[in-house]
Amino acid sequence: MVTKHEAVRIDYPKHWFVMGTIGWAVATFVLFYLATTTKEDVVRTIWLVAGSHVGILLGLFFIPPLFTYHSAGEKALRLKMGLLIDSTIPYSWMKQVKETSVRWGGVRVGIGVRYSPITRMLFVTTDFDDLVSIRLDSPHRMGRLLKRQVEELVLSVSLRSKLVDLLKMRARLDREA
């Protein structure tokens, strides 16, 4: 008997993106303020160009993750973090799902999406506390702009144990010892 599963929304901690958005917004405001108060045309142009670039980066990398989330559908896990990543991982690819921690330290992993070519790990992190590791059956190409061979995913999620249980059930890994 086949059971139909409802899609489940999987939130990830966003406090670092909120703080980053506030910081970048202040920097953008300061740059445009400096552009309006300066008297020299060349300096005004420099402040406008700098403010525009900072504002574009803010709009591309900090604001969209505030409004996205992952989801566990009927046949696959959908990873989405703003414009940084949008990938679908079928449950049939999953070999192991477990709670984990960062062995390398938060500074080396960072916030956002980072790929480690040596270990073929894709980090989709916004925090370093509630991490889930998903080991795949073989390397699969994932990413958004740059597709990389990934054997293991490490995700930040808000409810780690519930996600692990859900993925094990849907990937039929719940018989694991």
Protein backbone atom coordinates (compact mmCIF):
# COMPACT_ATOMS: atom_id res chain seq x y z
CA MET A 1 0.00 0.00 0.00
CA VAL A 2 1.38 3.37 -1.01
CA THR A 3 1.00 6.21 1.46
CA LYS A 4 0.76 9.76 0.19
CA HIS A 5 2.84 12.23 2.19
CA GLU A 6 1.99 15.87 2.63
CA ALA A 7 4.73 18.41 1.89
CA VAL A 8 6.36 19.59 5.10
CA ARG A 9 7.88 23.03 5.46
CA ILE A 10 11.39 22.93 6.94
CA ASP A 11 12.53 26.23 8.38
CA TYR A 12 16.12 27.12 9.06
CA PRO A 13 17.45 29.67 11.57
CA LYS A 14 17.61 33.10 9.97
CA HIS A 15 19.03 35.31 12.72
CA TRP A 16 22.42 35.68 10.98
CA PHE A 17 20.68 36.71 7.75
CA VAL A 18 18.61 39.24 9.71
CA MET A 19 21.75 40.67 11.29
CA GLY A 20 23.53 40.69 7.93
CA THR A 21 20.58 42.43 6.28
CA ILE A 22 20.57 45.13 8.95
CA GLY A 23 24.34 45.63 8.62
CA TRP A 24 24.28 45.79 4.83
CA ALA A 25 21.24 48.09 4.86
CA VAL A 26 23.03 50.49 7.20
CA ALA A 27 26.15 50.38 5.01
CA THR A 28 24.05 51.06 1.90
CA PHE A 29 22.30 53.98 3.61
CA VAL A 30 25.63 55.46 4.75
CA LEU A 31 27.12 55.22 1.25
CA PHE A 32 24.11 56.94 -0.34
CA TYR A 33 24.10 59.55 2.44
CA LEU A 34 27.76 60.29 1.74
CA ALA A 35 26.94 60.57 -1.98
CA THR A 36 24.25 63.19 -1.32
CA THR A 37 26.33 65.28 1.08
CA THR A 38 29.59 65.45 -0.84
CA LYS A 39 30.38 68.46 -3.01
CA GLU A 40 32.84 66.86 -5.45
CA ASP A 41 31.32 65.11 -8.49
CA VAL A 42 34.03 62.44 -8.66
CA VAL A 43 33.65 61.55 -4.99
CA ARG A 44 29.84 61.56 -5.33
CA THR A 45 30.13 59.12 -8.24
CA ILE A 46 32.39 56.84 -6.19
CA TRP A 47 29.91 56.82 -3.28
CA LEU A 48 26.97 56.17 -5.66
CA VAL A 49 28.76 53.28 -7.37
CA ALA A 50 29.82 51.78 -4.03
CA GLY A 51 26.30 52.19 -2.60
CA SER A 52 24.75 50.60 -5.67
CA HIS A 53 27.06 47.60 -5.49
CA VAL A 54 26.46 47.11 -1.77
CA GLY A 55 22.70 47.46 -2.31
CA ILE A 56 22.74 44.87 -5.11
CA LEU A 57 24.65 42.41 -2.92
CA LEU A 58 22.13 43.04 -0.14
CA GLY A 59 19.26 42.36 -2.50
CA LEU A 60 20.78 39.20 -3.94
CA PHE A 61 22.32 37.42 -0.97
CA PHE A 62 20.73 38.60 2.29
CA ILE A 63 17.08 39.41 1.64
CA PRO A 64 15.90 36.36 -0.40
CA PRO A 65 16.97 33.76 2.24
CA LEU A 66 14.72 35.55 4.75
CA PHE A 67 11.69 34.49 2.70
CA THR A 68 12.63 30.93 1.66
CA TYR A 69 12.62 27.56 3.38
CA HIS A 70 13.33 23.91 2.58
CA SER A 71 10.51 21.44 2.06
CA ALA A 72 10.09 17.69 2.28
CA GLY A 73 7.73 16.65 -0.47
CA GLU A 74 6.35 13.26 -1.34
CA LYS A 75 9.33 12.06 -3.39
CA ALA A 76 12.18 14.45 -2.57
CA LEU A 77 13.71 16.99 -0.24
CA ARG A 78 13.82 20.46 -1.76
CA LEU A 79 16.65 22.69 -0.54
CA LYS A 80 16.08 26.38 -1.10
CA MET A 81 18.00 29.27 0.41
CA GLY A 82 17.27 32.44 -1.52
CA LEU A 83 19.36 32.67 -4.68
CA LEU A 84 22.18 30.66 -3.10
CA ILE A 85 20.77 27.17 -3.66
CA ASP A 86 17.75 25.51 -5.19
CA SER A 87 18.21 21.73 -5.40
CA THR A 88 16.00 18.68 -5.22
CA ILE A 89 17.28 15.51 -3.53
CA PRO A 90 15.14 12.42 -4.14
CA TYR A 91 14.73 10.23 -1.07
CA SER A 92 16.07 7.29 -3.10
CA TRP A 93 19.51 8.99 -3.14
CA MET A 94 19.70 9.11 0.67
CA LYS A 95 21.87 6.46 2.29
CA GLN A 96 22.16 7.90 5.81
CA VAL A 97 20.53 10.75 7.75
CA LYS A 98 21.78 11.82 11.16
CA GLU A 99 22.24 14.71 13.54
CA THR A 100 25.74 16.16 13.37
CA SER A 101 28.03 18.99 14.41
CA VAL A 102 30.66 20.97 12.52
CA ARG A 103 34.08 19.39 12.98
CA TRP A 104 35.98 22.13 11.14
CA GLY A 105 34.69 25.09 13.11
CA GLY A 106 32.18 27.73 12.14
CA VAL A 107 34.73 30.09 10.61
CA ARG A 108 35.79 27.59 7.94
CA VAL A 109 32.24 26.50 7.11
CA GLY A 110 30.61 29.93 7.20
CA ILE A 111 27.04 31.00 6.76
CA GLY A 112 25.20 30.33 3.50
CA VAL A 113 26.18 27.75 0.90
CA ARG A 114 29.72 26.38 0.81
CA TYR A 115 31.21 23.42 -1.02
CA SER A 116 34.21 21.40 0.14
CA PRO A 117 35.74 19.67 -2.91
CA ILE A 118 38.01 17.32 -0.94
CA THR A 119 35.20 15.71 1.06
CA ARG A 120 32.49 16.48 -1.55
CA MET A 121 30.35 18.04 1.17
CA LEU A 122 27.82 20.78 0.52
CA PHE A 123 27.09 22.97 3.53
CA VAL A 124 23.78 24.84 3.57
CA THR A 125 24.14 26.50 6.94
CA THR A 126 22.76 29.47 8.80
CA ASP A 127 23.82 28.33 12.24
CA PHE A 128 26.23 25.83 13.80
CA ASP A 129 23.97 24.22 16.39
CA ASP A 130 21.13 22.29 14.76
CA LEU A 131 22.83 20.47 11.89
CA VAL A 132 21.67 17.45 9.93
CA SER A 133 23.94 15.33 7.75
CA ILE A 134 22.55 13.57 4.70
CA ARG A 135 24.91 11.05 3.08
CA LEU A 136 24.01 10.16 -0.49
CA ASP A 137 24.38 6.80 -2.23
CA SER A 138 26.84 8.22 -4.77
CA PRO A 139 28.06 11.63 -5.95
CA HIS A 140 25.26 13.71 -7.49
CA ARG A 141 25.50 17.11 -9.19
CA MET A 142 23.91 19.82 -7.08
CA GLY A 143 23.98 23.56 -6.72
CA ARG A 144 22.49 26.58 -8.38
CA LEU A 145 25.01 28.47 -10.47
CA LEU A 146 27.87 26.00 -10.14
CA LYS A 147 26.86 22.35 -10.16
CA ARG A 148 29.23 20.28 -7.99
CA GLN A 149 29.56 16.57 -7.24
CA VAL A 150 28.09 16.12 -3.74
CA GLU A 151 28.26 13.00 -1.57
CA GLU A 152 27.13 14.57 1.71
CA LEU A 153 24.94 17.53 2.68
CA VAL A 154 25.08 19.38 5.98
CA LEU A 155 22.01 21.52 6.70
CA SER A 156 20.99 23.93 9.41
CA VAL A 157 17.39 23.40 10.43
CA SER A 158 15.15 24.66 13.19
CA LEU A 159 13.85 21.25 14.36
CA ARG A 160 16.73 18.84 13.81
CA SER A 161 15.37 15.65 15.41
CA LYS A 162 12.00 15.97 13.66
CA LEU A 163 13.70 16.40 10.27
CA VAL A 164 15.94 13.39 10.86
CA ASP A 165 12.92 11.24 11.77
CA LEU A 166 10.94 12.53 8.78
CA LEU A 167 13.74 11.93 6.27
CA LYS A 168 14.51 8.46 7.65
CA MET A 169 10.85 7.53 7.32
CA ARG A 170 10.45 8.91 3.79
CA ALA A 171 13.78 7.52 2.58
CA ARG A 172 12.94 4.21 4.29
CA LEU A 173 16.04 4.36 6.48
CA ASP A 174 14.09 3.89 9.72
CA ARG A 175 15.21 0.26 10.01
CA GLU A 176 18.81 1.45 10.48
CA ALA A 177 20.59 0.35 13.63
